[in-house]
PDB file of all heavy atoms in Angstrom:
ATOM      1  N   ALA A   1       3.983  27.730 -89.844  1.00  0.00           N
ATOM      2  CA  ALA A   1       4.730  28.597 -88.945  1.00  0.00           C
ATOM      3  C   ALA A   1       4.325  28.337 -87.489  1.00  0.00           C
ATOM      4  O   ALA A   1       5.207  28.309 -86.606  1.00  0.00           O
ATOM      5  CB  ALA A   1       4.505  30.066 -89.290  1.00  0.00           C
ATOM      6  N   GLU A   2       3.091  28.073 -87.269  1.00  0.00           N
ATOM      7  CA  GLU A   2       2.586  27.759 -85.879  1.00  0.00           C
ATOM      8  C   GLU A   2       3.199  26.464 -85.390  1.00  0.00           C
ATOM      9  O   GLU A   2       3.592  26.370 -84.243  1.00  0.00           O
ATOM     10  CB  GLU A   2       1.067  27.741 -85.844  1.00  0.00           C
ATOM     11  CG  GLU A   2       0.548  27.503 -84.403  1.00  0.00           C
ATOM     12  CD  GLU A   2      -0.946  27.443 -84.375  1.00  0.00           C
ATOM     13  OE1 GLU A   2      -1.638  28.060 -85.242  1.00  0.00           O
ATOM     14  OE2 GLU A   2      -1.469  26.780 -83.424  1.00  0.00           O
ATOM     15  N   VAL A   3       3.243  25.472 -86.249  1.00  0.00           N
ATOM     16  CA  VAL A   3       3.879  24.203 -85.842  1.00  0.00           C
ATOM     17  C   VAL A   3       5.314  24.443 -85.441  1.00  0.00           C
ATOM     18  O   VAL A   3       5.751  23.943 -84.393  1.00  0.00           O
ATOM     19  CB  VAL A   3       3.794  23.151 -87.013  1.00  0.00           C
ATOM     20  CG1 VAL A   3       4.667  21.927 -86.705  1.00  0.00           C
ATOM     21  CG2 VAL A   3       2.361  22.785 -87.290  1.00  0.00           C
ATOM     22  N   LEU A   4       6.039  25.242 -86.226  1.00  0.00           N
ATOM     23  CA  LEU A   4       7.429  25.510 -85.911  1.00  0.00           C
ATOM     24  C   LEU A   4       7.564  26.309 -84.625  1.00  0.00           C
ATOM     25  O   LEU A   4       8.543  26.131 -83.876  1.00  0.00           O
ATOM     26  CB  LEU A   4       8.101  26.294 -87.075  1.00  0.00           C
ATOM     27  CG  LEU A   4       8.340  25.461 -88.341  1.00  0.00           C
ATOM     28  CD1 LEU A   4       8.892  26.345 -89.458  1.00  0.00           C
ATOM     29  CD2 LEU A   4       9.316  24.306 -88.056  1.00  0.00           C
ATOM     30  N   VAL A   5       6.618  27.215 -84.362  1.00  0.00           N
ATOM     31  CA  VAL A   5       6.613  27.966 -83.090  1.00  0.00           C
ATOM     32  C   VAL A   5       6.707  27.012 -81.914  1.00  0.00           C
ATOM     33  O   VAL A   5       7.578  27.133 -81.005  1.00  0.00           O
ATOM     34  CB  VAL A   5       5.423  28.886 -82.948  1.00  0.00           C
ATOM     35  CG1 VAL A   5       5.278  29.410 -81.489  1.00  0.00           C
ATOM     36  CG2 VAL A   5       5.501  30.091 -83.876  1.00  0.00           C
ATOM     37  N   TRP A   6       5.754  26.036 -81.868  1.00  0.00           N
ATOM     38  CA  TRP A   6       5.724  25.127 -80.719  1.00  0.00           C
ATOM     39  C   TRP A   6       6.953  24.214 -80.600  1.00  0.00           C
ATOM     40  O   TRP A   6       7.492  24.021 -79.574  1.00  0.00           O
ATOM     41  CB  TRP A   6       4.462  24.336 -80.690  1.00  0.00           C
ATOM     42  CG  TRP A   6       3.224  25.166 -80.864  1.00  0.00           C
ATOM     43  CD1 TRP A   6       2.222  24.959 -81.762  1.00  0.00           C
ATOM     44  CD2 TRP A   6       2.842  26.350 -80.167  1.00  0.00           C
ATOM     45  NE1 TRP A   6       1.247  25.926 -81.683  1.00  0.00           N
ATOM     46  CE2 TRP A   6       1.629  26.785 -80.697  1.00  0.00           C
ATOM     47  CE3 TRP A   6       3.462  27.068 -79.153  1.00  0.00           C
ATOM     48  CZ2 TRP A   6       0.988  27.943 -80.213  1.00  0.00           C
ATOM     49  CZ3 TRP A   6       2.822  28.213 -78.707  1.00  0.00           C
ATOM     50  CH2 TRP A   6       1.590  28.638 -79.224  1.00  0.00           C
ATOM     51  N   ARG A   7       7.422  23.752 -81.806  1.00  0.00           N
ATOM     52  CA  ARG A   7       8.587  22.914 -81.795  1.00  0.00           C
ATOM     53  C   ARG A   7       9.812  23.703 -81.297  1.00  0.00           C
ATOM     54  O   ARG A   7      10.593  23.175 -80.518  1.00  0.00           O
ATOM     55  CB  ARG A   7       8.811  22.389 -83.222  1.00  0.00           C
ATOM     56  CG  ARG A   7       7.726  21.507 -83.823  1.00  0.00           C
ATOM     57  CD  ARG A   7       7.587  20.216 -83.072  1.00  0.00           C
ATOM     58  NE  ARG A   7       6.487  19.393 -83.620  1.00  0.00           N
ATOM     59  CZ  ARG A   7       5.293  19.346 -83.132  1.00  0.00           C
ATOM     60  NH1 ARG A   7       4.977  20.013 -82.017  1.00  0.00           N
ATOM     61  NH2 ARG A   7       4.367  18.543 -83.666  1.00  0.00           N
ATOM     62  N   LEU A   8       9.920  24.916 -81.789  1.00  0.00           N
ATOM     63  CA  LEU A   8      11.100  25.728 -81.450  1.00  0.00           C
ATOM     64  C   LEU A   8      11.074  26.137 -79.980  1.00  0.00           C
ATOM     65  O   LEU A   8      12.082  26.192 -79.294  1.00  0.00           O
ATOM     66  CB  LEU A   8      11.143  26.951 -82.390  1.00  0.00           C
ATOM     67  CG  LEU A   8      12.409  27.776 -82.320  1.00  0.00           C
ATOM     68  CD1 LEU A   8      13.668  26.980 -82.585  1.00  0.00           C
ATOM     69  CD2 LEU A   8      12.341  28.907 -83.362  1.00  0.00           C
ATOM     70  N   ARG A   9       9.871  26.582 -79.491  1.00  0.00           N
ATOM     71  CA  ARG A   9       9.764  26.968 -78.115  1.00  0.00           C
ATOM     72  C   ARG A   9      10.161  25.808 -77.162  1.00  0.00           C
ATOM     73  O   ARG A   9      10.820  25.992 -76.166  1.00  0.00           O
ATOM     74  CB  ARG A   9       8.374  27.417 -77.828  1.00  0.00           C
ATOM     75  CG  ARG A   9       7.984  28.733 -78.502  1.00  0.00           C
ATOM     76  CD  ARG A   9       8.495  29.926 -77.793  1.00  0.00           C
ATOM     77  NE  ARG A   9       7.732  30.189 -76.559  1.00  0.00           N
ATOM     78  CZ  ARG A   9       8.070  31.049 -75.633  1.00  0.00           C
ATOM     79  NH1 ARG A   9       9.160  31.758 -75.765  1.00  0.00           N
ATOM     80  NH2 ARG A   9       7.334  31.245 -74.590  1.00  0.00           N
ATOM     81  N   THR A  10       9.678  24.587 -77.514  1.00  0.00           N
ATOM     82  CA  THR A  10      10.013  23.444 -76.696  1.00  0.00           C
ATOM     83  C   THR A  10      11.499  23.164 -76.708  1.00  0.00           C
ATOM     84  O   THR A  10      12.117  22.906 -75.667  1.00  0.00           O
ATOM     85  CB  THR A  10       9.242  22.209 -77.202  1.00  0.00           C
ATOM     86  OG1 THR A  10       7.860  22.467 -77.106  1.00  0.00           O
ATOM     87  CG2 THR A  10       9.567  20.951 -76.426  1.00  0.00           C
ATOM     88  N   ALA A  11      12.111  23.228 -77.930  1.00  0.00           N
ATOM     89  CA  ALA A  11      13.551  22.942 -78.056  1.00  0.00           C
ATOM     90  C   ALA A  11      14.352  23.982 -77.275  1.00  0.00           C
ATOM     91  O   ALA A  11      15.343  23.656 -76.595  1.00  0.00           O
ATOM     92  CB  ALA A  11      13.928  22.954 -79.525  1.00  0.00           C
ATOM     93  N   THR A  12      13.959  25.235 -77.375  1.00  0.00           N
ATOM     94  CA  THR A  12      14.688  26.326 -76.665  1.00  0.00           C
ATOM     95  C   THR A  12      14.543  26.191 -75.161  1.00  0.00           C
ATOM     96  O   THR A  12      15.509  26.340 -74.404  1.00  0.00           O
ATOM     97  CB  THR A  12      14.165  27.699 -77.105  1.00  0.00           C
ATOM     98  OG1 THR A  12      14.311  27.843 -78.540  1.00  0.00           O
ATOM     99  CG2 THR A  12      14.914  28.837 -76.416  1.00  0.00           C
ATOM    100  N   ALA A  13      13.344  25.852 -74.700  1.00  0.00           N
ATOM    101  CA  ALA A  13      13.152  25.648 -73.292  1.00  0.00           C
ATOM    102  C   ALA A  13      13.977  24.508 -72.771  1.00  0.00           C
ATOM    103  O   ALA A  13      14.554  24.580 -71.647  1.00  0.00           O
ATOM    104  CB  ALA A  13      11.645  25.424 -72.982  1.00  0.00           C
ATOM    105  N   GLU A  14      14.063  23.446 -73.538  1.00  0.00           N
ATOM    106  CA  GLU A  14      14.903  22.282 -73.110  1.00  0.00           C
ATOM    107  C   GLU A  14      16.368  22.686 -73.050  1.00  0.00           C
ATOM    108  O   GLU A  14      17.097  22.291 -72.173  1.00  0.00           O
ATOM    109  CB  GLU A  14      14.730  21.158 -74.099  1.00  0.00           C
ATOM    110  CG  GLU A  14      15.375  19.820 -73.689  1.00  0.00           C
ATOM    111  CD  GLU A  14      14.845  19.309 -72.372  1.00  0.00           C
ATOM    112  OE1 GLU A  14      13.640  19.503 -72.087  1.00  0.00           O
ATOM    113  OE2 GLU A  14      15.626  18.719 -71.608  1.00  0.00           O
ATOM    114  N   ARG A  15      16.831  23.478 -74.006  1.00  0.00           N
ATOM    115  CA  ARG A  15      18.233  23.913 -74.023  1.00  0.00           C
ATOM    116  C   ARG A  15      18.492  24.805 -72.787  1.00  0.00           C
ATOM    117  O   ARG A  15      19.558  24.627 -72.116  1.00  0.00           O
ATOM    118  CB  ARG A  15      18.426  24.710 -75.311  1.00  0.00           C
ATOM    119  CG  ARG A  15      19.878  25.192 -75.538  1.00  0.00           C
ATOM    120  CD  ARG A  15      19.928  26.051 -76.781  1.00  0.00           C
ATOM    121  NE  ARG A  15      21.321  26.421 -77.134  1.00  0.00           N
ATOM    122  CZ  ARG A  15      22.105  25.706 -77.942  1.00  0.00           C
ATOM    123  NH1 ARG A  15      21.658  24.607 -78.487  1.00  0.00           N
ATOM    124  NH2 ARG A  15      23.372  26.118 -78.178  1.00  0.00           N
ATOM    125  N   VAL A  16      17.596  25.744 -72.523  1.00  0.00           N
ATOM    126  CA  VAL A  16      17.793  26.666 -71.330  1.00  0.00           C
ATOM    127  C   VAL A  16      17.754  25.828 -70.059  1.00  0.00           C
ATOM    128  O   VAL A  16      18.532  26.029 -69.106  1.00  0.00           O
ATOM    129  CB  VAL A  16      16.707  27.752 -71.346  1.00  0.00           C
ATOM    130  CG1 VAL A  16      16.754  28.516 -70.013  1.00  0.00           C
ATOM    131  CG2 VAL A  16      16.922  28.666 -72.505  1.00  0.00           C
ATOM    132  N   SER A  17      16.859  24.834 -70.007  1.00  0.00           N
ATOM    133  CA  SER A  17      16.724  24.016 -68.787  1.00  0.00           C
ATOM    134  C   SER A  17      18.000  23.202 -68.499  1.00  0.00           C
ATOM    135  O   SER A  17      18.446  23.118 -67.380  1.00  0.00           O
ATOM    136  CB  SER A  17      15.495  23.071 -68.975  1.00  0.00           C
ATOM    137  OG  SER A  17      15.462  22.161 -67.891  1.00  0.00           O
ATOM    138  N   GLN A  18      18.560  22.634 -69.606  1.00  0.00           N
ATOM    139  CA  GLN A  18      19.792  21.874 -69.414  1.00  0.00           C
ATOM    140  C   GLN A  18      20.920  22.747 -68.935  1.00  0.00           C
ATOM    141  O   GLN A  18      21.688  22.346 -68.045  1.00  0.00           O
ATOM    142  CB  GLN A  18      20.169  21.236 -70.727  1.00  0.00           C
ATOM    143  CG  GLN A  18      19.275  20.077 -71.154  1.00  0.00           C
ATOM    144  CD  GLN A  18      19.615  19.546 -72.540  1.00  0.00           C
ATOM    145  OE1 GLN A  18      20.389  20.120 -73.269  1.00  0.00           O
ATOM    146  NE2 GLN A  18      18.956  18.426 -72.884  1.00  0.00           N
ATOM    147  N   ARG A  19      21.010  24.020 -69.412  1.00  0.00           N
ATOM    148  CA  ARG A  19      22.020  24.905 -68.979  1.00  0.00           C
ATOM    149  C   ARG A  19      21.806  25.301 -67.488  1.00  0.00           C
ATOM    150  O   ARG A  19      22.788  25.414 -66.719  1.00  0.00           O
ATOM    151  CB  ARG A  19      22.052  26.163 -69.879  1.00  0.00           C
ATOM    152  CG  ARG A  19      22.670  25.871 -71.218  1.00  0.00           C
ATOM    153  CD  ARG A  19      22.326  26.942 -72.254  1.00  0.00           C
ATOM    154  NE  ARG A  19      22.843  28.228 -71.953  1.00  0.00           N
ATOM    155  CZ  ARG A  19      22.700  29.310 -72.722  1.00  0.00           C
ATOM    156  NH1 ARG A  19      21.954  29.178 -73.794  1.00  0.00           N
ATOM    157  NH2 ARG A  19      23.190  30.418 -72.409  1.00  0.00           N
ATOM    158  N   ALA A  20      20.564  25.498 -67.118  1.00  0.00           N
ATOM    159  CA  ALA A  20      20.239  25.819 -65.717  1.00  0.00           C
ATOM    160  C   ALA A  20      20.625  24.704 -64.796  1.00  0.00           C
ATOM    161  O   ALA A  20      21.169  24.915 -63.699  1.00  0.00           O
ATOM    162  CB  ALA A  20      18.785  26.189 -65.591  1.00  0.00           C
ATOM    163  N   ARG A  21      20.298  23.446 -65.198  1.00  0.00           N
ATOM    164  CA  ARG A  21      20.711  22.310 -64.347  1.00  0.00           C
ATOM    165  C   ARG A  21      22.132  22.194 -64.184  1.00  0.00           C
ATOM    166  O   ARG A  21      22.639  21.878 -63.148  1.00  0.00           O
ATOM    167  CB  ARG A  21      20.072  21.040 -64.963  1.00  0.00           C
ATOM    168  CG  ARG A  21      18.560  20.941 -64.815  1.00  0.00           C
ATOM    169  CD  ARG A  21      18.079  19.487 -65.087  1.00  0.00           C
ATOM    170  NE  ARG A  21      18.354  19.074 -66.409  1.00  0.00           N
ATOM    171  CZ  ARG A  21      17.529  19.189 -67.414  1.00  0.00           C
ATOM    172  NH1 ARG A  21      16.360  19.774 -67.274  1.00  0.00           N
ATOM    173  NH2 ARG A  21      17.838  18.704 -68.631  1.00  0.00           N
ATOM    174  N   SER A  22      22.874  22.428 -65.298  1.00  0.00           N
ATOM    175  CA  SER A  22      24.334  22.305 -65.226  1.00  0.00           C
ATOM    176  C   SER A  22      24.921  23.411 -64.306  1.00  0.00           C
ATOM    177  O   SER A  22      25.799  23.153 -63.540  1.00  0.00           O
ATOM    178  CB  SER A  22      24.948  22.465 -66.627  1.00  0.00           C
ATOM    179  OG  SER A  22      24.504  21.397 -67.469  1.00  0.00           O
ATOM    180  N   ALA A  23      24.382  24.631 -64.422  1.00  0.00           N
ATOM    181  CA  ALA A  23      24.843  25.739 -63.606  1.00  0.00           C
ATOM    182  C   ALA A  23      24.545  25.460 -62.129  1.00  0.00           C
ATOM    183  O   ALA A  23      25.390  25.746 -61.291  1.00  0.00           O
ATOM    184  CB  ALA A  23      24.219  27.012 -64.079  1.00  0.00           C
ATOM    185  N   ALA A  24      23.330  24.951 -61.840  1.00  0.00           N
ATOM    186  CA  ALA A  24      22.952  24.651 -60.456  1.00  0.00           C
ATOM    187  C   ALA A  24      23.862  23.556 -59.907  1.00  0.00           C
ATOM    188  O   ALA A  24      24.291  23.601 -58.753  1.00  0.00           O
ATOM    189  CB  ALA A  24      21.487  24.229 -60.439  1.00  0.00           C
ATOM    190  N   SER A  25      24.227  22.566 -60.706  1.00  0.00           N
ATOM    191  CA  SER A  25      25.082  21.505 -60.225  1.00  0.00           C
ATOM    192  C   SER A  25      26.480  22.035 -59.945  1.00  0.00           C
ATOM    193  O   SER A  25      27.081  21.678 -58.960  1.00  0.00           O
ATOM    194  CB  SER A  25      25.123  20.452 -61.319  1.00  0.00           C
ATOM    195  OG  SER A  25      26.033  19.396 -60.944  1.00  0.00           O
ATOM    196  N   ARG A  26      26.964  22.934 -60.817  1.00  0.00           N
ATOM    197  CA  ARG A  26      28.316  23.505 -60.597  1.00  0.00           C
ATOM    198  C   ARG A  26      28.341  24.364 -59.327  1.00  0.00           C
ATOM    199  O   ARG A  26      29.286  24.375 -58.593  1.00  0.00           O
ATOM    200  CB  ARG A  26      28.759  24.328 -61.811  1.00  0.00           C
ATOM    201  CG  ARG A  26      29.151  23.509 -63.007  1.00  0.00           C
ATOM    202  CD  ARG A  26      29.873  24.352 -64.067  1.00  0.00           C
ATOM    203  NE  ARG A  26      29.031  25.429 -64.498  1.00  0.00           N
ATOM    204  CZ  ARG A  26      28.223  25.394 -65.532  1.00  0.00           C
ATOM    205  NH1 ARG A  26      28.039  24.263 -66.175  1.00  0.00           N
ATOM    206  NH2 ARG A  26      27.521  26.471 -65.901  1.00  0.00           N
ATOM    207  N   SER A  27      27.284  25.149 -59.120  1.00  0.00           N
ATOM    208  CA  SER A  27      27.249  26.073 -57.968  1.00  0.00           C
ATOM    209  C   SER A  27      27.147  25.273 -56.644  1.00  0.00           C
ATOM    210  O   SER A  27      27.570  25.761 -55.610  1.00  0.00           O
ATOM    211  CB  SER A  27      26.088  27.012 -58.070  1.00  0.00           C
ATOM    212  OG  SER A  27      24.805  26.300 -57.955  1.00  0.00           O
TER     213      SER A  27
END
């Protein structure tokens, strides 16, 4: 479960980061 925590947190952060970059580019 701990392994999955770090993998999932990293994947979620990357997803949020990509959306933020896209939003910043559009604005």
